[in-house]
Amino acid sequence: MKNPEIKALDLTELKDRVASEQENLNKLKFAHAISPIENPMKIKETRKLLARLKTELRAKELDK
């Protein structure tokens, strides 16, 4: 998900995406702890996406 796509989301969509990406990150970390996943860079990518989503969410909350 690119930054323009993130900026196009509204507040409720951002909150939903943050929740789903957080759940996805937890699942990836858990799977990696049990047995190494095929592409561990997915954890890093998911973490960065989550940070971008949270940053945009915070910016929109402050604008209100």
PDB file of N, CA and C in Angstrom:
ATOM      1  N   MET A   1       0.850  -1.172   0.000  1.00  0.00           N
ATOM      2  CA  MET A   1       0.000   0.000   0.000  1.00  0.00           C
ATOM      3  C   MET A   1       0.899   1.239   0.000  1.00  0.00           C
ATOM      4  N   LYS A   2       0.697   2.092  -0.964  1.00  0.00           N
ATOM      5  CA  LYS A   2       1.514   3.287  -1.123  1.00  0.00           C
ATOM      6  C   LYS A   2       0.925   4.444  -0.323  1.00  0.00           C
ATOM      7  N   ASN A   3       1.735   5.487  -0.129  1.00  0.00           N
ATOM      8  CA  ASN A   3       1.296   6.636   0.658  1.00  0.00           C
ATOM      9  C   ASN A   3       0.061   7.335   0.094  1.00  0.00           C
ATOM     10  N   PRO A   4      -0.041   7.544  -1.224  1.00  0.00           N
ATOM     11  CA  PRO A   4      -1.275   8.180  -1.726  1.00  0.00           C
ATOM     12  C   PRO A   4      -2.525   7.350  -1.434  1.00  0.00           C
ATOM     13  N   GLU A   5      -2.390   6.032  -1.457  1.00  0.00           N
ATOM     14  CA  GLU A   5      -3.527   5.170  -1.130  1.00  0.00           C
ATOM     15  C   GLU A   5      -3.902   5.312   0.336  1.00  0.00           C
ATOM     16  N   ILE A   6      -2.894   5.437   1.193  1.00  0.00           N
ATOM     17  CA  ILE A   6      -3.142   5.600   2.628  1.00  0.00           C
ATOM     18  C   ILE A   6      -3.818   6.937   2.902  1.00  0.00           C
ATOM     19  N   LYS A   7      -3.355   7.991   2.236  1.00  0.00           N
ATOM     20  CA  LYS A   7      -3.931   9.321   2.444  1.00  0.00           C
ATOM     21  C   LYS A   7      -5.380   9.396   1.970  1.00  0.00           C
ATOM     22  N   ALA A   8      -5.753   8.540   1.036  1.00  0.00           N
ATOM     23  CA  ALA A   8      -7.108   8.547   0.496  1.00  0.00           C
ATOM     24  C   ALA A   8      -8.109   7.896   1.447  1.00  0.00           C
ATOM     25  N   LEU A   9      -7.644   7.113   2.410  1.00  0.00           N
ATOM     26  CA  LEU A   9      -8.543   6.437   3.339  1.00  0.00           C
ATOM     27  C   LEU A   9      -9.115   7.428   4.352  1.00  0.00           C
ATOM     28  N   ASP A  10     -10.344   7.156   4.796  1.00  0.00           N
ATOM     29  CA  ASP A  10     -10.909   8.010   5.841  1.00  0.00           C
ATOM     30  C   ASP A  10     -10.572   7.422   7.208  1.00  0.00           C
ATOM     31  N   LEU A  11     -11.036   8.077   8.267  1.00  0.00           N
ATOM     32  CA  LEU A  11     -10.652   7.738   9.631  1.00  0.00           C
ATOM     33  C   LEU A  11     -11.034   6.312  10.018  1.00  0.00           C
ATOM     34  N   THR A  12     -12.267   5.899   9.703  1.00  0.00           N
ATOM     35  CA  THR A  12     -12.702   4.553  10.102  1.00  0.00           C
ATOM     36  C   THR A  12     -11.958   3.473   9.317  1.00  0.00           C
ATOM     37  N   GLU A  13     -11.707   3.727   8.033  1.00  0.00           N
ATOM     38  CA  GLU A  13     -10.957   2.761   7.232  1.00  0.00           C
ATOM     39  C   GLU A  13      -9.529   2.621   7.750  1.00  0.00           C
ATOM     40  N   LEU A  14      -8.938   3.744   8.167  1.00  0.00           N
ATOM     41  CA  LEU A  14      -7.592   3.700   8.722  1.00  0.00           C
ATOM     42  C   LEU A  14      -7.552   2.872  10.000  1.00  0.00           C
ATOM     43  N   LYS A  15      -8.524   3.075  10.869  1.00  0.00           N
ATOM     44  CA  LYS A  15      -8.571   2.321  12.126  1.00  0.00           C
ATOM     45  C   LYS A  15      -8.719   0.831  11.854  1.00  0.00           C
ATOM     46  N   ASP A  16      -9.563   0.478  10.886  1.00  0.00           N
ATOM     47  CA  ASP A  16      -9.745  -0.930  10.527  1.00  0.00           C
ATOM     48  C   ASP A  16      -8.453  -1.520   9.969  1.00  0.00           C
ATOM     49  N   ARG A  17      -7.782  -0.764   9.106  1.00  0.00           N
ATOM     50  CA  ARG A  17      -6.537  -1.238   8.503  1.00  0.00           C
ATOM     51  C   ARG A  17      -5.446  -1.412   9.551  1.00  0.00           C
ATOM     52  N   VAL A  18      -5.367  -0.471  10.512  1.00  0.00           N
ATOM     53  CA  VAL A  18      -4.370  -0.576  11.575  1.00  0.00           C
ATOM     54  C   VAL A  18      -4.611  -1.847  12.382  1.00  0.00           C
ATOM     55  N   ALA A  19      -5.868  -2.110  12.720  1.00  0.00           N
ATOM     56  CA  ALA A  19      -6.187  -3.313  13.492  1.00  0.00           C
ATOM     57  C   ALA A  19      -5.829  -4.581  12.721  1.00  0.00           C
ATOM     58  N   SER A  20      -6.163  -4.629  11.444  1.00  0.00           N
ATOM     59  CA  SER A  20      -5.885  -5.841  10.663  1.00  0.00           C
ATOM     60  C   SER A  20      -4.384  -6.029  10.438  1.00  0.00           C
ATOM     61  N   GLU A  21      -3.658  -4.941  10.202  1.00  0.00           N
ATOM     62  CA  GLU A  21      -2.213  -5.055  10.000  1.00  0.00           C
ATOM     63  C   GLU A  21      -1.503  -5.431  11.300  1.00  0.00           C
ATOM     64  N   GLN A  22      -1.996  -4.951  12.439  1.00  0.00           N
ATOM     65  CA  GLN A  22      -1.415  -5.322  13.716  1.00  0.00           C
ATOM     66  C   GLN A  22      -1.598  -6.823  13.966  1.00  0.00           C
ATOM     67  N   GLU A  23      -2.790  -7.311  13.637  1.00  0.00           N
ATOM     68  CA  GLU A  23      -3.067  -8.739  13.771  1.00  0.00           C
ATOM     69  C   GLU A  23      -2.166  -9.556  12.834  1.00  0.00           C
ATOM     70  N   ASN A  24      -1.999  -9.069  11.617  1.00  0.00           N
ATOM     71  CA  ASN A  24      -1.139  -9.732  10.640  1.00  0.00           C
ATOM     72  C   ASN A  24       0.310  -9.776  11.129  1.00  0.00           C
ATOM     73  N   LEU A  25       0.788  -8.667  11.712  1.00  0.00           N
ATOM     74  CA  LEU A  25       2.155  -8.610  12.223  1.00  0.00           C
ATOM     75  C   LEU A  25       2.339  -9.604  13.361  1.00  0.00           C
ATOM     76  N   ASN A  26       1.374  -9.685  14.256  1.00  0.00           N
ATOM     77  CA  ASN A  26       1.466 -10.633  15.368  1.00  0.00           C
ATOM     78  C   ASN A  26       1.518 -12.074  14.854  1.00  0.00           C
ATOM     79  N   LYS A  27       0.701 -12.379  13.843  1.00  0.00           N
ATOM     80  CA  LYS A  27       0.704 -13.726  13.267  1.00  0.00           C
ATOM     81  C   LYS A  27       2.056 -14.052  12.625  1.00  0.00           C
ATOM     82  N   LEU A  28       2.620 -13.068  11.896  1.00  0.00           N
ATOM     83  CA  LEU A  28       3.922 -13.279  11.260  1.00  0.00           C
ATOM     84  C   LEU A  28       5.006 -13.526  12.301  1.00  0.00           C
ATOM     85  N   LYS A  29       5.014 -12.730  13.366  1.00  0.00           N
ATOM     86  CA  LYS A  29       6.017 -12.895  14.417  1.00  0.00           C
ATOM     87  C   LYS A  29       5.879 -14.248  15.093  1.00  0.00           C
ATOM     88  N   PHE A  30       4.651 -14.655  15.347  1.00  0.00           N
ATOM     89  CA  PHE A  30       4.409 -15.941  15.988  1.00  0.00           C
ATOM     90  C   PHE A  30       4.865 -17.087  15.089  1.00  0.00           C
ATOM     91  N   ALA A  31       4.520 -17.006  13.806  1.00  0.00           N
ATOM     92  CA  ALA A  31       4.918 -18.047  12.857  1.00  0.00           C
ATOM     93  C   ALA A  31       6.441 -18.109  12.731  1.00  0.00           C
ATOM     94  N   HIS A  32       7.093 -16.960  12.774  1.00  0.00           N
ATOM     95  CA  HIS A  32       8.542 -16.908  12.643  1.00  0.00           C
ATOM     96  C   HIS A  32       9.224 -17.459  13.896  1.00  0.00           C
ATOM     97  N   ALA A  33       8.601 -17.297  15.050  1.00  0.00           N
ATOM     98  CA  ALA A  33       9.175 -17.814  16.288  1.00  0.00           C
ATOM     99  C   ALA A  33       9.110 -19.335  16.332  1.00  0.00           C
ATOM    100  N   ILE A  34       8.052 -19.886  15.784  1.00  0.00           N
ATOM    101  CA  ILE A  34       7.887 -21.345  15.788  1.00  0.00           C
ATOM    102  C   ILE A  34       8.834 -21.988  14.787  1.00  0.00           C
ATOM    103  N   SER A  35       8.752 -21.557  13.563  1.00  0.00           N
ATOM    104  CA  SER A  35       9.676 -22.034  12.535  1.00  0.00           C
ATOM    105  C   SER A  35       9.936 -20.873  11.595  1.00  0.00           C
ATOM    106  N   PRO A  36      11.176 -20.659  11.191  1.00  0.00           N
ATOM    107  CA  PRO A  36      11.494 -19.497  10.354  1.00  0.00           C
ATOM    108  C   PRO A  36      10.619 -19.433   9.095  1.00  0.00           C
ATOM    109  N   ILE A  37      10.028 -18.267   8.881  1.00  0.00           N
ATOM    110  CA  ILE A  37       9.200 -18.105   7.689  1.00  0.00           C
ATOM    111  C   ILE A  37      10.104 -17.952   6.469  1.00  0.00           C
ATOM    112  N   GLU A  38       9.512 -18.177   5.297  1.00  0.00           N
ATOM    113  CA  GLU A  38      10.282 -18.186   4.061  1.00  0.00           C
ATOM    114  C   GLU A  38      10.901 -16.819   3.765  1.00  0.00           C
ATOM    115  N   ASN A  39      10.135 -15.751   3.986  1.00  0.00           N
ATOM    116  CA  ASN A  39      10.625 -14.405   3.707  1.00  0.00           C
ATOM    117  C   ASN A  39      10.491 -13.547   4.965  1.00  0.00           C
ATOM    118  N   PRO A  40      11.526 -13.472   5.795  1.00  0.00           N
ATOM    119  CA  PRO A  40      11.435 -12.696   7.029  1.00  0.00           C
ATOM    120  C   PRO A  40      11.328 -11.186   6.791  1.00  0.00           C
ATOM    121  N   MET A  41      11.584 -10.735   5.575  1.00  0.00           N
ATOM    122  CA  MET A  41      11.437  -9.306   5.273  1.00  0.00           C
ATOM    123  C   MET A  41       9.984  -8.872   5.320  1.00  0.00           C
ATOM    124  N   LYS A  42       9.049  -9.827   5.248  1.00  0.00           N
ATOM    125  CA  LYS A  42       7.627  -9.497   5.356  1.00  0.00           C
ATOM    126  C   LYS A  42       7.325  -8.858   6.706  1.00  0.00           C
ATOM    127  N   ILE A  43       8.041  -9.286   7.751  1.00  0.00           N
ATOM    128  CA  ILE A  43       7.840  -8.702   9.081  1.00  0.00           C
ATOM    129  C   ILE A  43       8.219  -7.224   9.051  1.00  0.00           C
ATOM    130  N   LYS A  44       9.354  -6.933   8.447  1.00  0.00           N
ATOM    131  CA  LYS A  44       9.816  -5.545   8.359  1.00  0.00           C
ATOM    132  C   LYS A  44       8.860  -4.690   7.523  1.00  0.00           C
ATOM    133  N   GLU A  45       8.423  -5.225   6.399  1.00  0.00           N
ATOM    134  CA  GLU A  45       7.497  -4.496   5.527  1.00  0.00           C
ATOM    135  C   GLU A  45       6.171  -4.211   6.237  1.00  0.00           C
ATOM    136  N   THR A  46       5.671  -5.210   6.966  1.00  0.00           N
ATOM    137  CA  THR A  46       4.409  -5.045   7.675  1.00  0.00           C
ATOM    138  C   THR A  46       4.550  -4.012   8.781  1.00  0.00           C
ATOM    139  N   ARG A  47       5.680  -4.041   9.471  1.00  0.00           N
ATOM    140  CA  ARG A  47       5.921  -3.066  10.539  1.00  0.00           C
ATOM    141  C   ARG A  47       5.972  -1.647   9.989  1.00  0.00           C
ATOM    142  N   LYS A  48       6.616  -1.471   8.842  1.00  0.00           N
ATOM    143  CA  LYS A  48       6.694  -0.143   8.230  1.00  0.00           C
ATOM    144  C   LYS A  48       5.329   0.329   7.736  1.00  0.00           C
ATOM    145  N   LEU A  49       4.543  -0.576   7.156  1.00  0.00           N
ATOM    146  CA  LEU A  49       3.199  -0.231   6.708  1.00  0.00           C
ATOM    147  C   LEU A  49       2.346   0.190   7.893  1.00  0.00           C
ATOM    148  N   LEU A  50       2.454  -0.536   8.993  1.00  0.00           N
ATOM    149  CA  LEU A  50       1.711  -0.211  10.197  1.00  0.00           C
ATOM    150  C   LEU A  50       2.098   1.174  10.707  1.00  0.00           C
ATOM    151  N   ALA A  51       3.374   1.494  10.667  1.00  0.00           N
ATOM    152  CA  ALA A  51       3.844   2.815  11.100  1.00  0.00           C
ATOM    153  C   ALA A  51       3.280   3.913  10.191  1.00  0.00           C
ATOM    154  N   ARG A  52       3.257   3.671   8.889  1.00  0.00           N
ATOM    155  CA  ARG A  52       2.691   4.659   7.958  1.00  0.00           C
ATOM    156  C   ARG A  52       1.205   4.883   8.225  1.00  0.00           C
ATOM    157  N   LEU A  53       0.495   3.788   8.467  1.00  0.00           N
ATOM    158  CA  LEU A  53      -0.940   3.894   8.751  1.00  0.00           C
ATOM    159  C   LEU A  53      -1.189   4.667  10.042  1.00  0.00           C
ATOM    160  N   LYS A  54      -0.415   4.362  11.076  1.00  0.00           N
ATOM    161  CA  LYS A  54      -0.588   5.042  12.355  1.00  0.00           C
ATOM    162  C   LYS A  54      -0.237   6.522  12.252  1.00  0.00           C
ATOM    163  N   THR A  55       0.778   6.842  11.456  1.00  0.00           N
ATOM    164  CA  THR A  55       1.168   8.235  11.261  1.00  0.00           C
ATOM    165  C   THR A  55       0.043   9.013  10.590  1.00  0.00           C
ATOM    166  N   GLU A  56      -0.531   8.456   9.549  1.00  0.00           N
ATOM    167  CA  GLU A  56      -1.627   9.124   8.844  1.00  0.00           C
ATOM    168  C   GLU A  56      -2.868   9.218   9.733  1.00  0.00           C
ATOM    169  N   LEU A  57      -3.136   8.176  10.499  1.00  0.00           N
ATOM    170  CA  LEU A  57      -4.275   8.189  11.422  1.00  0.00           C
ATOM    171  C   LEU A  57      -4.114   9.322  12.431  1.00  0.00           C
ATOM    172  N   ARG A  58      -2.939   9.456  13.003  1.00  0.00           N
ATOM    173  CA  ARG A  58      -2.678  10.518  13.975  1.00  0.00           C
ATOM    174  C   ARG A  58      -2.817  11.897  13.342  1.00  0.00           C
ATOM    175  N   ALA A  59      -2.328  12.055  12.131  1.00  0.00           N
ATOM    176  CA  ALA A  59      -2.423  13.338  11.433  1.00  0.00           C
ATOM    177  C   ALA A  59      -3.891  13.716  11.198  1.00  0.00           C
ATOM    178  N   LYS A  60      -4.701  12.745  10.814  1.00  0.00           N
ATOM    179  CA  LYS A  60      -6.125  13.022  10.568  1.00  0.00           C
ATOM    180  C   LYS A  60      -6.865  13.304  11.868  1.00  0.00           C
ATOM    181  N   GLU A  61      -6.461  12.647  12.965  1.00  0.00           N
ATOM    182  CA  GLU A  61      -7.093  12.915  14.260  1.00  0.00           C
ATOM    183  C   GLU A  61      -6.770  14.325  14.724  1.00  0.00           C
ATOM    184  N   LEU A  62      -5.571  14.807  14.470  1.00  0.00           N
ATOM    185  CA  LEU A  62      -5.183  16.149  14.891  1.00  0.00           C
ATOM    186  C   LEU A  62      -5.866  17.217  14.040  1.00  0.00           C
ATOM    187  N   ASP A  63      -6.198  16.909  12.802  1.00  0.00           N
ATOM    188  CA  ASP A  63      -6.866  17.860  11.925  1.00  0.00           C
ATOM    189  C   ASP A  63      -8.299  18.142  12.367  1.00  0.00           C
ATOM    190  N   LYS A  64      -8.911  17.161  13.002  1.00  0.00           N
ATOM    191  CA  LYS A  64     -10.318  17.321  13.405  1.00  0.00           C
ATOM    192  C   LYS A  64     -10.486  18.370  14.450  1.00  0.00           C
TER     193      LYS A  64
END
